[in-house]
Each structure stands twice: as C-alpha cells, then as structure tokens.
C-alpha cells in the first residue's frame, strides 16, 4: 500500500476528512509514518548492515542518523574478514565503570552501549585496524506524497505483507483521536495491532537470515 491507499482506507474506516491539505489528512499521514517506525522497531522486519571504521584510542562514536535501532555489533579487521563474537550490550554506566576498573584499556572491544539516540561507547578501546560491523534497522524517510510506499528501502523496507500492521497501528491512534471515550475502538485496534506484530515477529524468526549488502558509514567523532 502506498500513502494514498492508506489515506483512503483509514479515512473511510474512521470517517476523517481526506481532502488534500486538510488537518485530518495531516493526522492520517502522521499516524501512518509513526506506524512504519513502530512496526520496524517492534518486528525488525527490515535489517541492513554497515561497517564503521574505528580509530586508535577512540571509544566514543556518533551513531549516524540513518540508524533507527542497533540490532547487534561485532568487530572485524576489515570488510569480509572474520568477525568477533557479538559484542555484549551494557549500560553507559557499566562501560564507564569497566574503564575505571580495568588496567588494559586497549584491545578488541567486547562491550558496547548506546547513549541517547546518537552515541555508541566501546570497551576496550579499539585500534584503527578494526571495524565495527553493525546490524541495524534503517531509519525511514517520511511518507509525504500519495505514491510513497513503505515497502521501498528508503521509506522503511516494510514488506507489503506486513502493511496491515501499519494500518492497525494508524487505526489505533486515529480512533483514539476520533473517539469520545465510549466505544473504546482505539483499545480494540491496539489489541489487534499487538497481536499482528507478534505474529510478524514469529514469521521472521522462522525465516532465518539472508545476506545483506553493506555500505560505509562515515567515521565521525562527537
């Protein structure tokens, strides 16, 4: 489904004004875009990979805005080389404590933490011969035009088979907006949405993994 089709379905079910430029069409668009992000986060139905070049003595790195959520990290000595076991995720406080209590500060990172939505911390401190291999959920570009489709890579990569989950999420949010509190339709759609994204997660678990195409993330330091 593209955004125009979402607008038609949602406006007919919730009885909202789908006139171009209307306030309620804007509400529909926001609900759909929020639904794309929530489905991506809840199901991880679309995952990509990238390598981040590390630097000697640098343990803090900016997470590019293209990353919505990190799934896992590992260390390599070059693209295509053998990877370390997946790094263990810890809190930033735990990383800081390990840095204070560990005499050997440099080596192959075994732990990482994410601070806020933009900073990744590594321990031990890496060297320039290492790369951080990141599996991540990409951040989608907003759906704006009626032809925009969340199935495309740039706008989410959510397979069309799962667009009903986006629809259920949007119905939940829009019903809450439209409801006077008596029908509880928002809660009903929320329950349907929760059931659907759990089904999608089970389907994805049965699929296994597939080879992904890498791209280079710029090496940035805060």
N, C-alpha and C. Protein backbone atom coordinates (compact mmCIF):
# COMPACT_ATOMS: atom_id res chain seq x y z
N UNK A 1 0.84 -1.20 0.00
CA UNK A 1 0.00 0.00 0.00
C UNK A 1 0.87 1.24 0.00
N UNK A 2 0.52 2.21 -0.82
CA UNK A 2 1.20 3.49 -0.75
C UNK A 2 0.42 4.43 0.18
N UNK A 3 0.96 5.63 0.38
CA UNK A 3 0.33 6.55 1.32
C UNK A 3 -1.08 6.92 0.87
N UNK A 4 -1.29 7.11 -0.43
CA UNK A 4 -2.63 7.43 -0.92
C UNK A 4 -3.64 6.35 -0.57
N UNK A 5 -3.23 5.09 -0.68
CA UNK A 5 -4.14 3.98 -0.34
C UNK A 5 -4.40 3.92 1.16
N UNK A 6 -3.37 4.17 1.96
CA UNK A 6 -3.58 4.25 3.41
C UNK A 6 -4.59 5.35 3.74
N UNK A 7 -4.44 6.49 3.10
CA UNK A 7 -5.35 7.60 3.38
C UNK A 7 -6.80 7.22 3.08
N UNK A 8 -7.04 6.57 1.94
CA UNK A 8 -8.40 6.18 1.57
C UNK A 8 -8.99 5.21 2.57
N UNK A 9 -8.23 4.19 2.91
CA UNK A 9 -8.74 3.16 3.83
C UNK A 9 -9.01 3.75 5.21
N UNK A 10 -8.03 4.47 5.74
CA UNK A 10 -8.16 4.98 7.10
C UNK A 10 -9.25 6.03 7.22
N UNK A 11 -9.36 6.92 6.23
CA UNK A 11 -10.39 7.95 6.29
C UNK A 11 -11.78 7.36 6.18
N UNK A 12 -11.92 6.25 5.44
CA UNK A 12 -13.25 5.64 5.31
C UNK A 12 -13.64 4.88 6.57
N UNK A 13 -12.68 4.25 7.23
CA UNK A 13 -12.98 3.48 8.45
C UNK A 13 -13.27 4.41 9.62
N UNK A 14 -12.46 5.46 9.76
CA UNK A 14 -12.60 6.37 10.92
C UNK A 14 -13.47 7.57 10.59
N UNK A 15 -13.87 7.74 9.34
CA UNK A 15 -14.67 8.89 8.91
C UNK A 15 -13.95 10.21 9.16
N UNK A 16 -12.76 10.31 8.57
CA UNK A 16 -11.98 11.54 8.67
C UNK A 16 -11.94 12.22 7.30
N UNK A 17 -11.64 13.50 7.32
CA UNK A 17 -11.59 14.29 6.09
C UNK A 17 -10.26 14.03 5.37
N UNK A 18 -10.34 13.41 4.19
CA UNK A 18 -9.14 13.09 3.42
C UNK A 18 -8.86 14.13 2.34
N UNK A 19 -9.45 15.29 2.43
CA UNK A 19 -9.20 16.35 1.45
C UNK A 19 -7.74 16.77 1.50
N UNK A 20 -7.14 16.94 0.33
CA UNK A 20 -5.73 17.32 0.27
C UNK A 20 -5.47 18.58 1.08
N UNK A 21 -4.48 18.50 1.97
CA UNK A 21 -4.11 19.65 2.77
C UNK A 21 -4.94 19.85 4.02
N UNK A 22 -5.96 19.02 4.24
CA UNK A 22 -6.81 19.19 5.43
C UNK A 22 -6.06 18.77 6.68
N UNK A 23 -6.52 19.28 7.83
CA UNK A 23 -5.88 18.95 9.10
C UNK A 23 -5.97 17.45 9.39
N UNK A 24 -7.11 16.83 9.04
CA UNK A 24 -7.29 15.42 9.35
C UNK A 24 -6.46 14.54 8.41
N UNK A 25 -6.24 14.98 7.17
CA UNK A 25 -5.32 14.23 6.33
C UNK A 25 -3.90 14.27 6.92
N UNK A 26 -3.55 15.40 7.50
CA UNK A 26 -2.26 15.51 8.17
C UNK A 26 -2.16 14.53 9.34
N UNK A 27 -3.27 14.37 10.09
CA UNK A 27 -3.29 13.40 11.18
C UNK A 27 -3.10 11.98 10.66
N UNK A 28 -3.74 11.67 9.54
CA UNK A 28 -3.61 10.34 8.94
C UNK A 28 -2.15 10.09 8.55
N UNK A 29 -1.53 11.07 7.91
CA UNK A 29 -0.14 10.91 7.48
C UNK A 29 0.78 10.68 8.67
N UNK A 30 0.58 11.42 9.74
CA UNK A 30 1.43 11.25 10.92
C UNK A 30 1.24 9.88 11.53
N UNK A 31 -0.01 9.42 11.57
CA UNK A 31 -0.29 8.10 12.15
C UNK A 31 0.37 7.00 11.32
N UNK A 32 0.31 7.12 10.00
CA UNK A 32 0.93 6.11 9.13
C UNK A 32 2.44 6.12 9.31
N UNK A 33 3.05 7.31 9.32
CA UNK A 33 4.50 7.39 9.48
C UNK A 33 4.96 6.86 10.84
N UNK A 34 4.20 7.16 11.87
CA UNK A 34 4.52 6.60 13.18
C UNK A 34 4.36 5.09 13.17
N UNK A 35 3.37 4.62 12.42
CA UNK A 35 3.15 3.18 12.32
C UNK A 35 4.31 2.48 11.65
N UNK A 36 4.87 3.08 10.59
CA UNK A 36 6.03 2.49 9.91
C UNK A 36 7.19 2.32 10.90
N UNK A 37 7.47 3.37 11.66
CA UNK A 37 8.57 3.32 12.62
C UNK A 37 8.31 2.29 13.71
N UNK A 38 7.08 2.24 14.21
CA UNK A 38 6.77 1.31 15.29
C UNK A 38 6.85 -0.14 14.81
N UNK A 39 6.36 -0.41 13.61
CA UNK A 39 6.43 -1.77 13.06
C UNK A 39 7.90 -2.18 12.87
N UNK A 40 8.72 -1.25 12.37
CA UNK A 40 10.14 -1.56 12.20
C UNK A 40 10.79 -1.89 13.54
N UNK A 41 10.50 -1.09 14.55
CA UNK A 41 11.10 -1.33 15.87
C UNK A 41 10.58 -2.61 16.51
N UNK A 42 9.28 -2.82 16.42
CA UNK A 42 8.69 -3.97 17.10
C UNK A 42 9.06 -5.29 16.43
N UNK A 43 9.17 -5.29 15.10
CA UNK A 43 9.36 -6.56 14.38
C UNK A 43 10.76 -6.74 13.82
N UNK A 44 11.49 -5.65 13.59
CA UNK A 44 12.79 -5.71 12.90
C UNK A 44 12.64 -6.48 11.59
N UNK A 45 11.59 -6.16 10.87
CA UNK A 45 11.29 -6.87 9.61
C UNK A 45 12.22 -6.45 8.49
N UNK A 46 12.97 -5.37 8.65
CA UNK A 46 13.94 -4.97 7.65
C UNK A 46 15.22 -4.56 8.35
N UNK A 47 16.30 -5.27 8.06
CA UNK A 47 17.58 -5.05 8.73
C UNK A 47 18.66 -4.90 7.67
N UNK A 48 19.59 -3.98 7.89
CA UNK A 48 20.71 -3.79 6.98
C UNK A 48 22.00 -3.85 7.78
N UNK A 49 23.13 -3.70 7.10
CA UNK A 49 24.41 -3.75 7.78
C UNK A 49 25.34 -2.68 7.26
N UNK A 50 26.32 -2.34 8.09
CA UNK A 50 27.32 -1.36 7.70
C UNK A 50 28.58 -1.57 8.52
N UNK A 51 29.69 -1.04 8.01
CA UNK A 51 30.94 -1.05 8.75
C UNK A 51 31.31 0.37 9.13
N UNK A 52 31.70 0.55 10.38
CA UNK A 52 32.17 1.84 10.86
C UNK A 52 33.67 1.72 11.15
N UNK A 53 34.48 2.48 10.44
CA UNK A 53 35.93 2.45 10.64
C UNK A 53 36.27 3.03 12.01
N UNK A 54 37.03 2.29 12.80
CA UNK A 54 37.40 2.73 14.15
C UNK A 54 38.76 3.42 14.12
N UNK A 55 39.07 4.14 15.21
CA UNK A 55 40.32 4.90 15.30
C UNK A 55 41.07 4.52 16.55
N UNK A 56 42.38 4.67 16.50
CA UNK A 56 43.21 4.39 17.67
C UNK A 56 42.78 5.26 18.84
N UNK A 57 42.50 4.61 19.96
CA UNK A 57 42.25 5.33 21.20
C UNK A 57 40.90 6.00 21.32
N UNK A 58 40.04 5.84 20.34
CA UNK A 58 38.73 6.49 20.39
C UNK A 58 37.68 5.46 20.78
N UNK A 59 36.95 5.72 21.85
CA UNK A 59 35.95 4.76 22.34
C UNK A 59 34.52 5.29 22.22
N UNK A 60 34.37 6.55 21.77
CA UNK A 60 33.05 7.15 21.60
C UNK A 60 32.84 7.49 20.12
N UNK A 61 31.69 7.09 19.57
CA UNK A 61 31.40 7.34 18.16
C UNK A 61 29.96 7.78 18.01
N UNK A 62 29.75 8.72 17.08
CA UNK A 62 28.38 9.13 16.76
C UNK A 62 27.68 8.04 15.97
N UNK A 63 26.44 7.75 16.33
CA UNK A 63 25.61 6.83 15.56
C UNK A 63 24.96 7.63 14.44
N UNK A 64 25.20 7.29 13.17
CA UNK A 64 24.58 8.04 12.07
C UNK A 64 23.06 8.05 12.18
N UNK A 65 22.47 9.14 11.73
CA UNK A 65 21.02 9.28 11.81
C UNK A 65 20.28 8.24 10.97
N UNK A 66 20.99 7.61 10.03
CA UNK A 66 20.36 6.59 9.19
C UNK A 66 19.98 5.35 9.98
N UNK A 67 20.52 5.23 11.20
CA UNK A 67 20.25 4.05 12.03
C UNK A 67 19.09 4.37 12.99
N UNK A 68 18.02 3.59 12.87
CA UNK A 68 16.89 3.73 13.78
C UNK A 68 17.13 2.94 15.06
N UNK A 69 17.65 1.73 14.92
CA UNK A 69 17.88 0.87 16.07
C UNK A 69 19.00 -0.12 15.75
N UNK A 70 19.93 -0.27 16.68
CA UNK A 70 21.02 -1.23 16.51
C UNK A 70 20.54 -2.61 16.96
N UNK A 71 20.74 -3.61 16.10
CA UNK A 71 20.36 -4.98 16.42
C UNK A 71 21.51 -5.70 17.10
N UNK A 72 22.71 -5.59 16.52
CA UNK A 72 23.90 -6.21 17.12
C UNK A 72 25.14 -5.59 16.54
N UNK A 73 26.27 -5.78 17.23
CA UNK A 73 27.57 -5.28 16.78
C UNK A 73 28.61 -6.37 16.94
N UNK A 74 29.62 -6.33 16.06
CA UNK A 74 30.78 -7.20 16.21
C UNK A 74 31.99 -6.46 15.65
N UNK A 75 33.18 -6.99 15.89
CA UNK A 75 34.42 -6.37 15.44
C UNK A 75 35.04 -7.20 14.33
N UNK A 76 35.52 -6.54 13.28
CA UNK A 76 36.27 -7.20 12.22
C UNK A 76 37.58 -6.46 12.03
N UNK A 77 38.52 -7.12 11.34
CA UNK A 77 39.78 -6.46 10.99
C UNK A 77 39.77 -6.01 9.54
N UNK A 78 38.60 -5.88 8.97
CA UNK A 78 38.45 -5.45 7.59
C UNK A 78 37.20 -6.05 7.00
N UNK A 79 36.59 -5.38 6.04
CA UNK A 79 35.36 -5.87 5.45
C UNK A 79 35.57 -7.24 4.83
N UNK A 80 34.69 -8.16 5.19
CA UNK A 80 34.78 -9.51 4.68
C UNK A 80 35.65 -10.43 5.52
N UNK A 81 36.39 -9.87 6.51
CA UNK A 81 37.24 -10.69 7.38
C UNK A 81 36.40 -11.33 8.49
N UNK A 82 37.04 -12.24 9.23
CA UNK A 82 36.34 -12.92 10.31
C UNK A 82 35.89 -11.91 11.36
N UNK A 83 34.73 -12.18 11.93
CA UNK A 83 34.18 -11.29 12.94
C UNK A 83 34.40 -11.85 14.33
N UNK A 84 34.43 -10.95 15.30
CA UNK A 84 34.43 -11.36 16.68
C UNK A 84 33.05 -11.88 17.05
N UNK A 85 32.92 -12.54 18.20
CA UNK A 85 31.57 -12.83 18.69
C UNK A 85 30.80 -11.52 18.88
N UNK A 86 29.49 -11.56 18.84
CA UNK A 86 28.73 -10.32 19.03
C UNK A 86 29.11 -9.62 20.33
N UNK A 87 29.25 -8.30 20.25
CA UNK A 87 29.55 -7.54 21.45
C UNK A 87 28.36 -7.61 22.41
N UNK A 88 28.67 -7.59 23.69
CA UNK A 88 27.63 -7.62 24.71
C UNK A 88 27.19 -6.20 25.01
N UNK A 89 25.89 -6.00 25.04
CA UNK A 89 25.37 -4.65 25.29
C UNK A 89 25.31 -4.40 26.79
N UNK A 90 25.80 -3.24 27.18
CA UNK A 90 25.80 -2.82 28.57
C UNK A 90 25.29 -1.38 28.65
N UNK A 91 25.04 -0.91 29.85
CA UNK A 91 24.66 0.50 30.03
C UNK A 91 25.91 1.36 29.97
N UNK A 92 25.74 2.64 29.73
CA UNK A 92 26.89 3.54 29.68
C UNK A 92 27.58 3.61 31.04
N UNK A 93 26.82 3.50 32.14
CA UNK A 93 27.43 3.50 33.48
C UNK A 93 28.32 2.27 33.66
N UNK A 94 27.88 1.12 33.14
CA UNK A 94 28.70 -0.09 33.25
C UNK A 94 29.97 0.03 32.43
N UNK A 95 29.86 0.62 31.23
CA UNK A 95 31.05 0.83 30.41
C UNK A 95 32.05 1.74 31.13
N UNK A 96 31.54 2.83 31.71
CA UNK A 96 32.41 3.76 32.44
C UNK A 96 33.07 3.07 33.61
N UNK A 97 32.34 2.25 34.34
CA UNK A 97 32.90 1.54 35.48
C UNK A 97 33.97 0.55 35.03
N UNK A 98 33.73 -0.15 33.93
CA UNK A 98 34.74 -1.08 33.42
C UNK A 98 36.01 -0.34 33.03
N UNK A 99 35.87 0.85 32.46
CA UNK A 99 37.04 1.63 32.07
C UNK A 99 37.86 2.03 33.30
N UNK A 100 37.21 2.30 34.40
CA UNK A 100 37.91 2.69 35.62
C UNK A 100 38.58 1.49 36.30
N UNK A 101 37.96 0.32 36.20
CA UNK A 101 38.42 -0.84 36.95
C UNK A 101 39.31 -1.79 36.16
N UNK A 102 39.50 -1.52 34.86
CA UNK A 102 40.28 -2.42 34.02
C UNK A 102 41.60 -1.78 33.68
N UNK A 103 42.70 -2.50 33.95
CA UNK A 103 44.02 -1.95 33.67
C UNK A 103 44.30 -1.90 32.17
N UNK A 104 43.85 -2.95 31.42
CA UNK A 104 44.07 -3.00 29.98
C UNK A 104 42.92 -2.26 29.29
N UNK A 105 43.19 -1.04 28.84
CA UNK A 105 42.13 -0.23 28.24
C UNK A 105 41.99 -0.47 26.74
N UNK A 106 43.09 -0.90 26.10
CA UNK A 106 43.07 -1.07 24.65
C UNK A 106 42.98 -2.55 24.28
N UNK A 107 42.39 -2.81 23.12
CA UNK A 107 42.26 -4.19 22.66
C UNK A 107 41.09 -4.32 21.71
N UNK A 108 40.55 -5.51 21.65
CA UNK A 108 39.37 -5.74 20.82
C UNK A 108 38.12 -5.50 21.66
N UNK A 109 37.29 -4.56 21.27
CA UNK A 109 36.08 -4.30 22.07
C UNK A 109 35.24 -5.56 22.26
N UNK A 110 34.74 -5.72 23.46
CA UNK A 110 33.84 -6.84 23.77
C UNK A 110 32.47 -6.34 24.24
N UNK A 111 32.37 -5.04 24.55
CA UNK A 111 31.14 -4.48 25.09
C UNK A 111 30.82 -3.18 24.35
N UNK A 112 29.54 -2.86 24.29
CA UNK A 112 29.12 -1.58 23.74
C UNK A 112 27.88 -1.10 24.49
N UNK A 113 27.66 0.19 24.43
CA UNK A 113 26.41 0.76 24.96
C UNK A 113 25.99 1.88 24.02
N UNK A 114 24.70 2.18 24.05
CA UNK A 114 24.16 3.27 23.25
C UNK A 114 23.59 4.31 24.21
N UNK A 115 24.10 5.52 24.09
CA UNK A 115 23.65 6.61 24.95
C UNK A 115 22.76 7.53 24.14
N UNK A 116 21.54 7.72 24.60
CA UNK A 116 20.58 8.51 23.85
C UNK A 116 20.29 7.81 22.53
N UNK A 117 20.18 8.58 21.46
CA UNK A 117 19.93 8.00 20.15
C UNK A 117 21.09 8.27 19.20
N UNK A 118 22.23 8.76 19.75
CA UNK A 118 23.28 9.22 18.84
C UNK A 118 24.69 8.82 19.21
N UNK A 119 24.92 8.15 20.33
CA UNK A 119 26.29 7.89 20.77
C UNK A 119 26.47 6.42 21.13
N UNK A 120 27.55 5.81 20.59
CA UNK A 120 27.88 4.43 20.92
C UNK A 120 29.23 4.43 21.63
N UNK A 121 29.31 3.70 22.73
CA UNK A 121 30.53 3.60 23.53
C UNK A 121 31.07 2.18 23.43
N UNK A 122 32.41 2.04 23.32
CA UNK A 122 33.04 0.73 23.16
C UNK A 122 34.04 0.47 24.28
N UNK A 123 34.18 -0.78 24.68
CA UNK A 123 35.20 -1.19 25.65
C UNK A 123 35.60 -2.62 25.38
N UNK A 124 36.92 -2.89 25.39
CA UNK A 124 38.07 -2.00 25.47
C UNK A 124 38.15 -1.04 24.28
N UNK A 125 39.10 -0.11 24.37
CA UNK A 125 39.26 0.90 23.34
C UNK A 125 39.84 0.24 22.08
N UNK A 126 39.25 0.50 20.90
CA UNK A 126 39.70 -0.16 19.67
C UNK A 126 40.94 0.48 19.06
N UNK A 127 41.41 -0.15 17.99
CA UNK A 127 42.51 0.40 17.20
C UNK A 127 42.04 0.69 15.79
N UNK A 128 42.88 1.38 15.01
CA UNK A 128 42.50 1.76 13.65
C UNK A 128 42.47 0.58 12.69
N UNK A 129 42.98 -0.58 13.13
CA UNK A 129 42.95 -1.77 12.26
C UNK A 129 41.62 -2.50 12.35
N UNK A 130 40.71 -1.98 13.16
CA UNK A 130 39.43 -2.67 13.41
C UNK A 130 38.26 -1.88 12.83
N UNK A 131 37.23 -2.61 12.47
CA UNK A 131 35.96 -2.01 12.04
C UNK A 131 34.85 -2.51 12.93
N UNK A 132 33.86 -1.67 13.14
CA UNK A 132 32.66 -2.07 13.86
C UNK A 132 31.61 -2.49 12.84
N UNK A 133 31.21 -3.74 12.91
CA UNK A 133 30.21 -4.30 11.99
C UNK A 133 28.86 -4.18 12.68
N UNK A 134 27.94 -3.42 12.10
CA UNK A 134 26.67 -3.10 12.74
C UNK A 134 25.51 -3.67 11.94
N UNK A 135 24.68 -4.47 12.59
CA UNK A 135 23.39 -4.85 12.04
C UNK A 135 22.37 -3.87 12.62
N UNK A 136 21.57 -3.26 11.74
CA UNK A 136 20.68 -2.22 12.25
C UNK A 136 19.39 -2.14 11.44
N UNK A 137 18.38 -1.55 12.09
CA UNK A 137 17.13 -1.21 11.42
C UNK A 137 17.29 0.20 10.87
N UNK A 138 17.17 0.40 9.54
CA UNK A 138 17.35 1.74 8.98
C UNK A 138 16.20 2.68 9.36
N UNK A 139 16.54 3.96 9.51
CA UNK A 139 15.53 4.97 9.78
C UNK A 139 14.84 5.34 8.45
N UNK A 140 13.51 5.23 8.36
CA UNK A 140 12.85 5.51 7.09
C UNK A 140 12.67 7.01 6.85
N UNK A 141 12.67 7.37 5.58
CA UNK A 141 12.27 8.73 5.21
C UNK A 141 10.74 8.83 5.32
N UNK A 142 10.21 9.97 5.73
CA UNK A 142 8.76 10.10 5.89
C UNK A 142 8.01 9.89 4.58
N UNK A 143 6.83 9.31 4.68
CA UNK A 143 5.91 9.23 3.55
C UNK A 143 5.22 10.58 3.43
N UNK A 144 5.33 11.19 2.25
CA UNK A 144 4.78 12.53 2.05
C UNK A 144 3.79 12.55 0.89
N UNK A 145 4.22 12.04 -0.26
CA UNK A 145 3.37 12.03 -1.45
C UNK A 145 2.49 10.79 -1.45
N UNK A 146 1.38 10.88 -2.15
CA UNK A 146 0.44 9.76 -2.17
C UNK A 146 1.05 8.49 -2.75
N UNK A 147 2.06 8.61 -3.60
CA UNK A 147 2.70 7.44 -4.20
C UNK A 147 3.81 6.84 -3.32
N UNK A 148 4.16 7.51 -2.24
CA UNK A 148 5.22 7.00 -1.36
C UNK A 148 4.78 5.68 -0.74
N UNK A 149 5.71 4.72 -0.69
CA UNK A 149 5.37 3.36 -0.29
C UNK A 149 6.35 2.86 0.77
N UNK A 150 5.88 2.41 1.93
CA UNK A 150 6.80 1.93 2.98
C UNK A 150 7.51 0.64 2.61
N UNK A 151 7.18 0.03 1.47
CA UNK A 151 7.89 -1.17 1.04
C UNK A 151 9.25 -0.85 0.43
N UNK A 152 9.44 0.41 -0.01
CA UNK A 152 10.73 0.77 -0.60
C UNK A 152 11.77 0.90 0.50
N UNK A 153 13.05 0.68 0.13
CA UNK A 153 14.13 0.72 1.11
C UNK A 153 14.15 2.06 1.85
N UNK A 154 14.14 3.16 1.09
CA UNK A 154 14.32 4.48 1.70
C UNK A 154 13.19 4.82 2.66
N UNK A 155 11.99 4.29 2.41
CA UNK A 155 10.84 4.67 3.23
C UNK A 155 10.39 3.56 4.17
N UNK A 156 11.30 2.67 4.49
CA UNK A 156 11.04 1.70 5.54
C UNK A 156 11.45 0.29 5.22
N UNK A 157 11.23 -0.15 3.99
CA UNK A 157 11.54 -1.52 3.64
C UNK A 157 10.59 -2.53 4.28
N UNK A 158 9.41 -2.08 4.69
CA UNK A 158 8.43 -2.98 5.30
C UNK A 158 7.74 -3.77 4.19
N UNK A 159 7.87 -5.10 4.14
CA UNK A 159 7.22 -5.88 3.08
C UNK A 159 5.72 -5.62 3.03
N UNK A 160 5.16 -5.66 1.83
CA UNK A 160 3.73 -5.36 1.68
C UNK A 160 2.86 -6.30 2.50
N UNK A 161 3.33 -7.52 2.71
CA UNK A 161 2.58 -8.48 3.52
C UNK A 161 2.34 -7.97 4.94
N UNK A 162 3.16 -7.02 5.37
CA UNK A 162 3.07 -6.52 6.75
C UNK A 162 2.44 -5.13 6.83
N UNK A 163 1.94 -4.62 5.72
CA UNK A 163 1.35 -3.28 5.74
C UNK A 163 0.06 -3.23 6.56
N UNK A 164 -0.58 -4.39 6.75
CA UNK A 164 -1.77 -4.40 7.58
C UNK A 164 -1.44 -4.01 9.02
N UNK A 165 -0.21 -4.30 9.47
CA UNK A 165 0.18 -3.90 10.82
C UNK A 165 0.28 -2.38 10.91
N UNK A 166 0.83 -1.75 9.87
CA UNK A 166 0.88 -0.27 9.85
C UNK A 166 -0.54 0.28 9.89
N UNK A 167 -1.42 -0.33 9.14
CA UNK A 167 -2.83 0.11 9.11
C UNK A 167 -3.46 -0.01 10.49
N UNK A 168 -3.23 -1.14 11.18
CA UNK A 168 -3.82 -1.33 12.50
C UNK A 168 -3.27 -0.32 13.50
N UNK A 169 -1.96 -0.04 13.39
CA UNK A 169 -1.38 0.96 14.28
C UNK A 169 -2.06 2.32 14.06
N UNK A 170 -2.19 2.71 12.78
CA UNK A 170 -2.79 4.00 12.46
C UNK A 170 -4.25 4.05 12.91
N UNK A 171 -4.99 2.95 12.73
CA UNK A 171 -6.38 2.91 13.19
C UNK A 171 -6.46 3.09 14.70
N UNK A 172 -5.53 2.49 15.42
CA UNK A 172 -5.49 2.64 16.88
C UNK A 172 -5.33 4.12 17.25
N UNK A 173 -4.33 4.77 16.65
CA UNK A 173 -4.07 6.17 17.00
C UNK A 173 -5.19 7.10 16.55
N UNK A 174 -5.70 6.87 15.36
CA UNK A 174 -6.75 7.74 14.83
C UNK A 174 -8.08 7.52 15.55
N UNK A 175 -8.37 6.28 15.95
CA UNK A 175 -9.60 6.01 16.70
C UNK A 175 -9.55 6.69 18.06
N UNK A 176 -8.37 6.70 18.68
CA UNK A 176 -8.22 7.42 19.95
C UNK A 176 -8.50 8.91 19.76
N UNK A 177 -8.06 9.45 18.63
CA UNK A 177 -8.31 10.87 18.34
C UNK A 177 -9.80 11.13 18.12
N UNK A 178 -10.46 10.23 17.38
CA UNK A 178 -11.84 10.46 16.96
C UNK A 178 -12.87 10.04 18.00
N UNK A 179 -12.47 9.15 18.92
CA UNK A 179 -13.42 8.54 19.85
C UNK A 179 -13.74 9.48 21.01
N UNK A 180 -14.99 9.44 21.45
CA UNK A 180 -15.37 10.25 22.61
C UNK A 180 -15.14 9.51 23.91
N UNK A 181 -14.59 8.29 23.83
CA UNK A 181 -14.31 7.51 25.03
C UNK A 181 -15.31 6.44 25.32
N UNK A 182 -16.41 6.42 24.63
CA UNK A 182 -17.47 5.46 24.95
C UNK A 182 -17.31 4.14 24.22
N UNK A 183 -16.77 4.16 23.00
CA UNK A 183 -16.73 2.92 22.21
C UNK A 183 -15.47 2.11 22.43
N UNK A 184 -14.40 2.75 22.91
CA UNK A 184 -13.13 2.06 23.16
C UNK A 184 -12.57 1.42 21.89
N UNK A 185 -12.87 1.99 20.72
CA UNK A 185 -12.37 1.41 19.48
C UNK A 185 -10.85 1.49 19.40
N UNK A 186 -10.28 2.54 19.95
CA UNK A 186 -8.82 2.65 19.95
C UNK A 186 -8.18 1.47 20.63
N UNK A 187 -8.72 1.07 21.79
CA UNK A 187 -8.18 -0.07 22.52
C UNK A 187 -8.34 -1.37 21.73
N UNK A 188 -9.43 -1.51 21.00
CA UNK A 188 -9.64 -2.71 20.20
C UNK A 188 -8.61 -2.80 19.09
N UNK A 189 -8.38 -1.68 18.40
CA UNK A 189 -7.37 -1.69 17.34
C UNK A 189 -5.97 -1.91 17.92
N UNK A 190 -5.72 -1.37 19.10
CA UNK A 190 -4.41 -1.58 19.73
C UNK A 190 -4.18 -3.07 19.98
N UNK A 191 -5.21 -3.76 20.46
CA UNK A 191 -5.09 -5.19 20.70
C UNK A 191 -4.84 -5.97 19.41
N UNK A 192 -5.52 -5.58 18.34
CA UNK A 192 -5.31 -6.24 17.04
C UNK A 192 -3.89 -5.98 16.55
N UNK A 193 -3.43 -4.74 16.71
CA UNK A 193 -2.07 -4.40 16.29
C UNK A 193 -1.03 -5.21 17.06
N UNK A 194 -1.18 -5.31 18.37
CA UNK A 194 -0.22 -6.06 19.17
C UNK A 194 -0.18 -7.53 18.75
N UNK A 195 -1.34 -8.10 18.50
CA UNK A 195 -1.38 -9.48 18.05
C UNK A 195 -0.68 -9.65 16.70
N UNK A 196 -0.88 -8.69 15.79
CA UNK A 196 -0.31 -8.80 14.46
C UNK A 196 1.21 -8.67 14.48
N UNK A 197 1.76 -7.69 15.23
CA UNK A 197 3.21 -7.56 15.19
C UNK A 197 3.89 -8.75 15.88
N UNK A 198 3.22 -9.38 16.82
CA UNK A 198 3.79 -10.60 17.40
C UNK A 198 3.80 -11.74 16.39
N UNK A 199 2.74 -11.83 15.58
CA UNK A 199 2.71 -12.82 14.50
C UNK A 199 3.85 -12.58 13.52
N UNK A 200 4.08 -11.31 13.17
CA UNK A 200 5.16 -10.98 12.23
C UNK A 200 6.51 -11.38 12.81
N UNK A 201 6.72 -11.11 14.09
CA UNK A 201 7.99 -11.50 14.71
C UNK A 201 8.20 -13.00 14.63
N UNK A 202 7.14 -13.78 14.86
CA UNK A 202 7.27 -15.24 14.76
C UNK A 202 7.59 -15.66 13.32
N UNK A 203 6.95 -15.01 12.35
CA UNK A 203 7.23 -15.33 10.95
C UNK A 203 8.68 -15.04 10.61
N UNK A 204 9.20 -13.92 11.09
CA UNK A 204 10.58 -13.53 10.80
C UNK A 204 11.56 -14.50 11.46
N UNK A 205 11.25 -14.94 12.67
CA UNK A 205 12.11 -15.90 13.34
C UNK A 205 12.22 -17.20 12.56
N UNK A 206 11.15 -17.58 11.87
CA UNK A 206 11.17 -18.82 11.09
C UNK A 206 11.92 -18.66 9.78
N UNK A 207 12.09 -17.42 9.31
CA UNK A 207 12.74 -17.19 8.02
C UNK A 207 14.23 -17.45 8.05
N UNK A 208 14.88 -17.27 9.18
CA UNK A 208 16.33 -17.33 9.22
C UNK A 208 16.92 -16.01 8.77
N UNK A 209 18.16 -16.06 8.32
CA UNK A 209 18.85 -14.84 7.91
C UNK A 209 19.20 -14.90 6.44
N UNK A 210 19.44 -13.74 5.85
CA UNK A 210 19.86 -13.65 4.46
C UNK A 210 21.04 -12.70 4.36
N UNK A 211 21.83 -12.83 3.30
CA UNK A 211 23.00 -11.98 3.11
C UNK A 211 22.55 -10.57 2.74
N UNK A 212 23.15 -9.58 3.39
CA UNK A 212 22.76 -8.19 3.20
C UNK A 212 23.88 -7.42 2.52
N UNK A 213 23.53 -6.39 1.80
CA UNK A 213 24.52 -5.57 1.11
C UNK A 213 25.02 -4.48 2.04
N UNK A 214 26.35 -4.38 2.25
CA UNK A 214 26.89 -3.38 3.17
C UNK A 214 27.03 -2.02 2.53
N UNK A 215 27.08 -0.99 3.37
CA UNK A 215 27.51 0.30 2.90
C UNK A 215 28.33 0.95 3.99
N UNK A 216 29.18 1.91 3.61
CA UNK A 216 30.13 2.52 4.53
C UNK A 216 29.49 3.66 5.29
N UNK A 217 29.62 3.61 6.60
CA UNK A 217 29.18 4.72 7.45
C UNK A 217 30.37 5.67 7.67
N UNK A 218 30.18 6.97 7.52
CA UNK A 218 31.29 7.89 7.76
C UNK A 218 31.83 7.76 9.17
N UNK A 219 33.13 7.90 9.31
CA UNK A 219 33.77 7.79 10.62
C UNK A 219 33.66 9.15 11.32
N UNK A 220 32.78 9.24 12.29
CA UNK A 220 32.50 10.52 12.94
C UNK A 220 32.83 10.43 14.41
N UNK A 221 33.30 11.51 14.94
CA UNK A 221 33.59 11.60 16.36
C UNK A 221 32.88 12.81 16.93
N UNK A 222 32.18 12.65 18.07
CA UNK A 222 31.50 13.80 18.64
C UNK A 222 32.46 14.91 19.06
